[in-house]
């Protein structure tokens, strides 16, 4: 019995080099799959934040027009900020009023990803939702669909 114990204690214990390499290979494959997925989700979240901001700007500019006899003329980011304090020219999702007419406008919010999300109201009251830099929350075709 004592002899079996001595034999057991005399053997080397641990992982072989092959076993360690297999584990490293598996971890590398998992990292190669998980990391791009993680970054893509982060971009989508940042783009969703910009979309929410441009929606807030749209609500604010519609309120502005209601207060100004139905006209969008003269709408600025500062005017929209007085209506909706989250609409700001700076910060993570800066808002700009790109074009304004008596019955038309374009508001834009930028994302941390570098993409821009617009809401444009045409003279016939039709809305369009263009975006620039396809990827993340901006689908191919450049229309994020509101």
N, C-alpha and C. Protein backbone atom coordinates (compact mmCIF):
# COMPACT_ATOMS: atom_id res chain seq x y z
N UNK A 1 0.82 -1.18 0.00
CA UNK A 1 0.00 0.00 0.00
C UNK A 1 0.87 1.25 0.00
N UNK A 2 1.87 1.26 0.81
CA UNK A 2 2.78 2.40 0.87
C UNK A 2 3.52 2.56 -0.46
N UNK A 3 3.77 1.45 -1.10
CA UNK A 3 4.47 1.48 -2.38
C UNK A 3 3.60 2.16 -3.46
N UNK A 4 2.30 1.92 -3.46
CA UNK A 4 1.39 2.57 -4.41
C UNK A 4 1.37 4.08 -4.19
N UNK A 5 1.38 4.47 -2.95
CA UNK A 5 1.37 5.89 -2.61
C UNK A 5 2.64 6.56 -3.11
N UNK A 6 3.79 5.90 -2.94
CA UNK A 6 5.06 6.47 -3.42
C UNK A 6 5.04 6.61 -4.94
N UNK A 7 4.50 5.62 -5.65
CA UNK A 7 4.43 5.69 -7.10
C UNK A 7 3.55 6.86 -7.56
N UNK A 8 2.46 7.00 -6.87
CA UNK A 8 1.52 8.06 -7.22
C UNK A 8 2.15 9.44 -6.99
N UNK A 9 2.87 9.62 -5.91
CA UNK A 9 3.49 10.90 -5.58
C UNK A 9 4.68 11.18 -6.49
N UNK A 10 5.31 10.17 -7.01
CA UNK A 10 6.47 10.35 -7.86
C UNK A 10 6.13 10.80 -9.27
N UNK A 11 4.88 10.61 -9.70
CA UNK A 11 4.49 11.01 -11.06
C UNK A 11 4.33 12.52 -11.14
N UNK A 12 4.64 13.05 -12.34
CA UNK A 12 4.40 14.48 -12.58
C UNK A 12 2.91 14.69 -12.78
N UNK A 13 2.42 15.74 -12.23
CA UNK A 13 1.01 16.08 -12.36
C UNK A 13 0.90 17.40 -13.10
N UNK A 14 -0.24 17.66 -13.74
CA UNK A 14 -0.48 18.93 -14.41
C UNK A 14 -0.96 18.72 -15.83
N UNK A 15 -1.07 19.83 -16.56
CA UNK A 15 -1.56 19.78 -17.92
C UNK A 15 -0.40 19.66 -18.89
N UNK A 16 -0.63 18.97 -19.98
CA UNK A 16 0.40 18.86 -21.01
C UNK A 16 0.35 20.11 -21.87
N UNK A 17 1.40 20.30 -22.64
CA UNK A 17 1.48 21.45 -23.53
C UNK A 17 0.35 21.41 -24.57
N UNK A 18 0.02 20.25 -25.06
CA UNK A 18 -1.07 20.10 -26.04
C UNK A 18 -2.39 20.54 -25.43
N UNK A 19 -2.66 20.12 -24.21
CA UNK A 19 -3.91 20.51 -23.56
C UNK A 19 -3.99 22.02 -23.38
N UNK A 20 -2.90 22.64 -23.00
CA UNK A 20 -2.89 24.10 -22.84
C UNK A 20 -3.09 24.80 -24.18
N UNK A 21 -2.49 24.29 -25.24
CA UNK A 21 -2.67 24.89 -26.56
C UNK A 21 -4.10 24.76 -27.05
N UNK A 22 -4.74 23.64 -26.78
CA UNK A 22 -6.15 23.46 -27.17
C UNK A 22 -7.03 24.47 -26.43
N UNK A 23 -6.79 24.66 -25.15
CA UNK A 23 -7.56 25.64 -24.38
C UNK A 23 -7.34 27.04 -24.94
N UNK A 24 -6.09 27.40 -25.25
CA UNK A 24 -5.80 28.72 -25.82
C UNK A 24 -6.50 28.90 -27.17
N UNK A 25 -6.52 27.86 -27.98
CA UNK A 25 -7.19 27.92 -29.27
C UNK A 25 -8.69 28.15 -29.10
N UNK A 26 -9.30 27.44 -28.18
CA UNK A 26 -10.74 27.61 -27.92
C UNK A 26 -11.03 29.02 -27.43
N UNK A 27 -10.22 29.54 -26.52
CA UNK A 27 -10.42 30.91 -26.03
C UNK A 27 -10.25 31.93 -27.15
N UNK A 28 -9.29 31.70 -28.03
CA UNK A 28 -9.09 32.60 -29.16
C UNK A 28 -10.28 32.62 -30.10
N UNK A 29 -10.85 31.46 -30.36
CA UNK A 29 -12.03 31.38 -31.23
C UNK A 29 -13.21 32.09 -30.59
N UNK A 30 -13.43 31.87 -29.31
CA UNK A 30 -14.53 32.55 -28.61
C UNK A 30 -14.35 34.06 -28.63
N UNK A 31 -13.12 34.52 -28.41
CA UNK A 31 -12.86 35.96 -28.43
C UNK A 31 -13.09 36.54 -29.82
N UNK A 32 -12.70 35.81 -30.85
CA UNK A 32 -12.89 36.29 -32.22
C UNK A 32 -14.36 36.43 -32.58
N UNK A 33 -15.20 35.64 -31.96
CA UNK A 33 -16.65 35.72 -32.22
C UNK A 33 -17.31 36.76 -31.32
N UNK A 34 -16.94 36.80 -30.05
CA UNK A 34 -17.64 37.64 -29.08
C UNK A 34 -17.28 39.12 -29.19
N UNK A 35 -16.03 39.45 -29.44
CA UNK A 35 -15.61 40.86 -29.42
C UNK A 35 -16.28 41.67 -30.53
N UNK A 36 -16.30 41.23 -31.79
CA UNK A 36 -17.02 42.03 -32.80
C UNK A 36 -18.51 42.17 -32.50
N UNK A 37 -19.12 41.14 -31.97
CA UNK A 37 -20.53 41.21 -31.61
C UNK A 37 -20.75 42.26 -30.53
N UNK A 38 -19.86 42.29 -29.55
CA UNK A 38 -19.96 43.27 -28.47
C UNK A 38 -19.85 44.69 -29.02
N UNK A 39 -18.89 44.95 -29.88
CA UNK A 39 -18.71 46.30 -30.41
C UNK A 39 -19.86 46.71 -31.31
N UNK A 40 -20.43 45.79 -32.06
CA UNK A 40 -21.57 46.10 -32.90
C UNK A 40 -22.77 46.49 -32.04
N UNK A 41 -22.97 45.82 -30.93
CA UNK A 41 -24.07 46.16 -30.03
C UNK A 41 -23.87 47.55 -29.43
N UNK A 42 -22.63 47.87 -29.11
CA UNK A 42 -22.33 49.20 -28.57
C UNK A 42 -22.68 50.28 -29.60
N UNK A 43 -22.30 50.07 -30.86
CA UNK A 43 -22.62 51.03 -31.91
C UNK A 43 -24.13 51.18 -32.08
N UNK A 44 -24.84 50.08 -32.06
CA UNK A 44 -26.30 50.15 -32.20
C UNK A 44 -26.92 50.93 -31.05
N UNK A 45 -26.41 50.75 -29.85
CA UNK A 45 -26.94 51.48 -28.69
C UNK A 45 -26.67 52.97 -28.83
N UNK A 46 -25.46 53.33 -29.27
CA UNK A 46 -25.13 54.74 -29.45
C UNK A 46 -25.99 55.36 -30.55
N UNK A 47 -26.23 54.61 -31.62
CA UNK A 47 -27.09 55.11 -32.69
C UNK A 47 -28.54 55.24 -32.22
N UNK A 48 -29.00 54.33 -31.39
CA UNK A 48 -30.36 54.42 -30.84
C UNK A 48 -30.51 55.67 -29.98
N UNK A 49 -29.47 56.02 -29.27
CA UNK A 49 -29.48 57.23 -28.46
C UNK A 49 -29.63 58.47 -29.35
N UNK A 50 -28.91 58.49 -30.47
CA UNK A 50 -29.02 59.61 -31.41
C UNK A 50 -30.42 59.67 -32.04
N UNK A 51 -30.99 58.51 -32.35
CA UNK A 51 -32.34 58.48 -32.92
C UNK A 51 -33.36 59.03 -31.92
N UNK A 52 -33.20 58.69 -30.66
CA UNK A 52 -34.10 59.22 -29.63
C UNK A 52 -33.95 60.73 -29.52
N UNK A 53 -32.72 61.22 -29.65
CA UNK A 53 -32.48 62.66 -29.56
C UNK A 53 -33.11 63.40 -30.74
N UNK A 54 -33.00 62.86 -31.95
CA UNK A 54 -33.60 63.54 -33.10
C UNK A 54 -35.12 63.49 -33.02
N UNK A 55 -35.67 62.44 -32.42
CA UNK A 55 -37.13 62.39 -32.19
C UNK A 55 -37.55 63.47 -31.19
N UNK A 56 -36.74 63.68 -30.16
CA UNK A 56 -37.03 64.75 -29.19
C UNK A 56 -36.97 66.11 -29.88
N UNK A 57 -36.01 66.28 -30.79
CA UNK A 57 -35.90 67.54 -31.54
C UNK A 57 -37.11 67.73 -32.45
N UNK A 58 -37.60 66.64 -33.04
CA UNK A 58 -38.79 66.72 -33.89
C UNK A 58 -40.00 67.16 -33.07
N UNK A 59 -40.16 66.58 -31.91
CA UNK A 59 -41.27 66.97 -31.03
C UNK A 59 -41.16 68.44 -30.65
N UNK A 60 -39.94 68.87 -30.33
CA UNK A 60 -39.73 70.27 -29.93
C UNK A 60 -40.01 71.23 -31.07
N UNK A 61 -39.59 70.89 -32.30
CA UNK A 61 -39.81 71.81 -33.42
C UNK A 61 -41.29 71.85 -33.81
N UNK A 62 -42.00 70.75 -33.64
CA UNK A 62 -43.45 70.77 -33.88
C UNK A 62 -44.15 71.64 -32.84
N UNK A 63 -43.70 71.56 -31.60
CA UNK A 63 -44.25 72.42 -30.54
C UNK A 63 -43.92 73.88 -30.84
N UNK A 64 -42.70 74.14 -31.31
CA UNK A 64 -42.29 75.49 -31.70
C UNK A 64 -43.24 76.05 -32.76
N UNK A 65 -43.57 75.24 -33.77
CA UNK A 65 -44.47 75.70 -34.83
C UNK A 65 -45.87 75.97 -34.29
N UNK A 66 -46.32 75.15 -33.36
CA UNK A 66 -47.64 75.37 -32.75
C UNK A 66 -47.68 76.72 -32.03
N UNK A 67 -46.58 77.06 -31.38
CA UNK A 67 -46.50 78.33 -30.66
C UNK A 67 -46.28 79.52 -31.58
N UNK A 68 -45.91 79.28 -32.86
CA UNK A 68 -45.59 80.36 -33.80
C UNK A 68 -46.47 80.31 -35.05
N UNK A 69 -47.74 80.17 -34.86
CA UNK A 69 -48.74 80.21 -35.93
C UNK A 69 -48.48 79.19 -37.04
N UNK A 70 -47.94 78.04 -36.68
CA UNK A 70 -47.72 76.97 -37.65
C UNK A 70 -46.46 77.10 -38.48
N UNK A 71 -45.61 78.07 -38.18
CA UNK A 71 -44.39 78.28 -38.96
C UNK A 71 -43.17 77.73 -38.22
N UNK A 72 -42.29 77.09 -38.99
CA UNK A 72 -41.04 76.59 -38.42
C UNK A 72 -39.91 77.60 -38.56
N UNK A 73 -40.15 78.68 -39.31
CA UNK A 73 -39.12 79.68 -39.56
C UNK A 73 -38.60 80.24 -38.24
N UNK A 74 -37.31 80.39 -38.16
CA UNK A 74 -36.69 80.94 -36.95
C UNK A 74 -36.35 79.91 -35.89
N UNK A 75 -36.67 78.66 -36.14
CA UNK A 75 -36.36 77.62 -35.15
C UNK A 75 -34.85 77.40 -35.09
N UNK A 76 -34.32 77.42 -33.89
CA UNK A 76 -32.90 77.17 -33.65
C UNK A 76 -32.78 76.11 -32.56
N UNK A 77 -31.57 75.61 -32.38
CA UNK A 77 -31.36 74.64 -31.31
C UNK A 77 -31.66 75.27 -29.96
N UNK A 78 -31.29 76.54 -29.79
CA UNK A 78 -31.58 77.23 -28.52
C UNK A 78 -33.08 77.33 -28.28
N UNK A 79 -33.85 77.62 -29.34
CA UNK A 79 -35.31 77.70 -29.20
C UNK A 79 -35.89 76.33 -28.86
N UNK A 80 -35.35 75.29 -29.49
CA UNK A 80 -35.83 73.94 -29.20
C UNK A 80 -35.44 73.52 -27.79
N UNK A 81 -34.26 73.96 -27.34
CA UNK A 81 -33.81 73.63 -25.98
C UNK A 81 -34.70 74.26 -24.93
N UNK A 82 -35.26 75.43 -25.23
CA UNK A 82 -36.17 76.06 -24.25
C UNK A 82 -37.48 75.28 -24.14
N UNK A 83 -37.81 74.51 -25.18
CA UNK A 83 -39.02 73.68 -25.16
C UNK A 83 -38.71 72.31 -24.58
N UNK A 84 -37.61 71.71 -25.02
CA UNK A 84 -37.19 70.37 -24.59
C UNK A 84 -35.72 70.45 -24.16
N UNK A 85 -35.45 70.51 -22.85
CA UNK A 85 -34.08 70.72 -22.36
C UNK A 85 -33.07 69.66 -22.77
N UNK A 86 -33.51 68.47 -23.16
CA UNK A 86 -32.54 67.44 -23.57
C UNK A 86 -31.97 67.72 -24.96
N UNK A 87 -32.62 68.56 -25.74
CA UNK A 87 -32.13 68.91 -27.08
C UNK A 87 -31.04 69.96 -26.92
N UNK A 88 -29.81 69.56 -27.25
CA UNK A 88 -28.66 70.46 -27.05
C UNK A 88 -27.74 70.42 -28.26
N UNK A 89 -27.01 71.51 -28.45
CA UNK A 89 -26.07 71.59 -29.56
C UNK A 89 -24.78 70.83 -29.27
N UNK A 90 -24.52 70.52 -28.02
CA UNK A 90 -23.30 69.79 -27.65
C UNK A 90 -23.64 68.46 -27.02
N UNK A 91 -22.65 67.84 -26.42
CA UNK A 91 -22.87 66.57 -25.73
C UNK A 91 -22.62 65.38 -26.64
N UNK A 92 -23.08 64.22 -26.20
CA UNK A 92 -22.86 62.98 -26.94
C UNK A 92 -23.62 62.92 -28.25
N UNK A 93 -24.81 63.50 -28.29
CA UNK A 93 -25.65 63.48 -29.49
C UNK A 93 -26.06 64.90 -29.84
N UNK A 94 -25.13 65.68 -30.41
CA UNK A 94 -25.45 67.08 -30.70
C UNK A 94 -26.55 67.21 -31.76
N UNK A 95 -27.46 68.13 -31.50
CA UNK A 95 -28.57 68.38 -32.42
C UNK A 95 -28.27 69.64 -33.22
N UNK A 96 -28.59 69.59 -34.50
CA UNK A 96 -28.50 70.78 -35.34
C UNK A 96 -29.81 70.92 -36.11
N UNK A 97 -30.19 72.16 -36.34
CA UNK A 97 -31.33 72.46 -37.21
C UNK A 97 -30.70 72.78 -38.56
N UNK A 98 -30.78 71.83 -39.49
CA UNK A 98 -30.06 71.94 -40.75
C UNK A 98 -30.73 72.92 -41.70
N UNK A 99 -32.02 72.81 -41.87
CA UNK A 99 -32.75 73.68 -42.80
C UNK A 99 -34.14 73.94 -42.23
N UNK A 100 -34.55 75.19 -42.33
CA UNK A 100 -35.86 75.56 -41.82
C UNK A 100 -36.54 76.48 -42.82
N UNK A 101 -37.80 76.22 -43.09
CA UNK A 101 -38.62 77.10 -43.90
C UNK A 101 -39.94 77.32 -43.17
N UNK A 102 -40.86 78.00 -43.81
CA UNK A 102 -42.15 78.26 -43.16
C UNK A 102 -42.89 76.96 -42.86
N UNK A 103 -42.79 75.99 -43.77
CA UNK A 103 -43.50 74.72 -43.54
C UNK A 103 -42.61 73.50 -43.77
N UNK A 104 -41.30 73.68 -43.73
CA UNK A 104 -40.35 72.57 -43.87
C UNK A 104 -39.24 72.70 -42.84
N UNK A 105 -38.63 71.57 -42.53
CA UNK A 105 -37.45 71.59 -41.66
C UNK A 105 -36.66 70.30 -41.79
N UNK A 106 -35.43 70.36 -41.36
CA UNK A 106 -34.59 69.17 -41.20
C UNK A 106 -33.86 69.33 -39.88
N UNK A 107 -34.04 68.37 -38.99
CA UNK A 107 -33.29 68.34 -37.74
C UNK A 107 -32.37 67.12 -37.79
N UNK A 108 -31.20 67.27 -37.19
CA UNK A 108 -30.19 66.20 -37.24
C UNK A 108 -29.60 66.00 -35.86
N UNK A 109 -29.37 64.73 -35.52
CA UNK A 109 -28.64 64.39 -34.30
C UNK A 109 -27.46 63.52 -34.70
N UNK A 110 -26.30 63.85 -34.17
CA UNK A 110 -25.11 63.07 -34.44
C UNK A 110 -24.92 62.00 -33.37
N UNK A 111 -24.35 60.89 -33.77
CA UNK A 111 -24.09 59.78 -32.85
C UNK A 111 -22.60 59.75 -32.51
N UNK A 112 -22.26 59.11 -31.40
CA UNK A 112 -20.85 58.92 -31.05
C UNK A 112 -20.12 58.07 -32.09
N UNK A 113 -20.86 57.34 -32.90
CA UNK A 113 -20.26 56.50 -33.94
C UNK A 113 -19.88 57.32 -35.17
N UNK A 114 -20.29 58.58 -35.22
CA UNK A 114 -20.01 59.42 -36.38
C UNK A 114 -21.15 59.46 -37.38
N UNK A 115 -22.21 58.73 -37.12
CA UNK A 115 -23.35 58.72 -38.02
C UNK A 115 -24.29 59.88 -37.68
N UNK A 116 -24.99 60.37 -38.69
CA UNK A 116 -25.98 61.42 -38.51
C UNK A 116 -27.36 60.86 -38.84
N UNK A 117 -28.33 61.22 -38.01
CA UNK A 117 -29.72 60.78 -38.21
C UNK A 117 -30.58 62.03 -38.35
N UNK A 118 -31.29 62.12 -39.47
CA UNK A 118 -32.10 63.29 -39.79
C UNK A 118 -33.58 62.94 -39.78
N UNK A 119 -34.38 63.96 -39.53
CA UNK A 119 -35.82 63.90 -39.80
C UNK A 119 -36.12 65.14 -40.63
N UNK A 120 -36.66 64.92 -41.81
CA UNK A 120 -36.97 66.01 -42.72
C UNK A 120 -38.47 66.05 -42.96
N UNK A 121 -39.04 67.25 -42.82
CA UNK A 121 -40.46 67.45 -43.13
C UNK A 121 -40.52 68.27 -44.40
N UNK A 122 -41.13 67.69 -45.43
CA UNK A 122 -41.28 68.38 -46.71
C UNK A 122 -42.51 69.28 -46.69
N UNK A 123 -42.64 70.10 -47.73
CA UNK A 123 -43.76 71.04 -47.81
C UNK A 123 -45.11 70.33 -47.84
N UNK A 124 -45.15 69.10 -48.34
CA UNK A 124 -46.41 68.36 -48.39
C UNK A 124 -46.66 67.57 -47.10
N UNK A 125 -45.93 67.89 -46.06
CA UNK A 125 -46.06 67.27 -44.73
C UNK A 125 -45.59 65.82 -44.71
N UNK A 126 -44.86 65.38 -45.74
CA UNK A 126 -44.30 64.03 -45.74
C UNK A 126 -42.97 64.05 -44.99
N UNK A 127 -42.71 62.99 -44.25
CA UNK A 127 -41.48 62.90 -43.48
C UNK A 127 -40.54 61.89 -44.12
N UNK A 128 -39.24 62.18 -44.04
CA UNK A 128 -38.23 61.22 -44.46
C UNK A 128 -37.20 61.13 -43.34
N UNK A 129 -36.49 60.02 -43.31
CA UNK A 129 -35.58 59.72 -42.20
C UNK A 129 -34.21 59.28 -42.73
N UNK A 130 -33.50 60.18 -43.40
CA UNK A 130 -32.19 59.78 -43.93
C UNK A 130 -31.13 59.68 -42.84
N UNK A 131 -30.16 58.82 -43.09
CA UNK A 131 -29.00 58.71 -42.21
C UNK A 131 -27.76 58.54 -43.06
N UNK A 132 -26.63 58.93 -42.50
CA UNK A 132 -25.36 58.85 -43.22
C UNK A 132 -24.44 57.87 -42.52
N UNK A 133 -23.52 57.30 -43.27
CA UNK A 133 -22.54 56.31 -42.79
C UNK A 133 -23.24 55.02 -42.41
N UNK A 134 -23.51 54.21 -43.41
CA UNK A 134 -24.22 52.94 -43.23
C UNK A 134 -23.47 52.04 -42.24
N UNK A 135 -24.24 51.38 -41.38
CA UNK A 135 -23.68 50.48 -40.37
C UNK A 135 -24.35 50.78 -39.04
N UNK A 136 -24.17 49.92 -38.07
CA UNK A 136 -24.80 50.13 -36.77
C UNK A 136 -26.30 50.28 -36.90
N UNK A 137 -26.82 51.48 -36.58
CA UNK A 137 -28.25 51.73 -36.66
C UNK A 137 -28.69 52.35 -37.97
N UNK A 138 -27.76 52.51 -38.93
CA UNK A 138 -28.11 53.09 -40.24
C UNK A 138 -28.05 51.98 -41.28
N UNK A 139 -29.22 51.50 -41.73
CA UNK A 139 -29.23 50.37 -42.65
C UNK A 139 -28.77 50.76 -44.06
N UNK A 140 -28.46 49.76 -44.84
CA UNK A 140 -28.12 49.98 -46.24
C UNK A 140 -29.29 50.67 -46.92
N UNK A 141 -29.02 51.67 -47.69
CA UNK A 141 -30.08 52.46 -48.30
C UNK A 141 -30.19 53.82 -47.64
N UNK A 142 -29.64 53.95 -46.42
CA UNK A 142 -29.58 55.24 -45.75
C UNK A 142 -30.88 55.80 -45.24
N UNK A 143 -31.87 54.97 -44.97
CA UNK A 143 -33.14 55.44 -44.41
C UNK A 143 -33.42 54.63 -43.15
N UNK A 144 -33.36 55.30 -42.01
CA UNK A 144 -33.52 54.58 -40.74
C UNK A 144 -34.98 54.38 -40.36
N UNK A 145 -35.89 54.91 -41.12
CA UNK A 145 -37.30 54.57 -41.00
C UNK A 145 -38.07 55.18 -39.87
N UNK A 146 -37.46 56.01 -39.07
CA UNK A 146 -38.17 56.70 -38.01
C UNK A 146 -38.73 55.79 -37.01
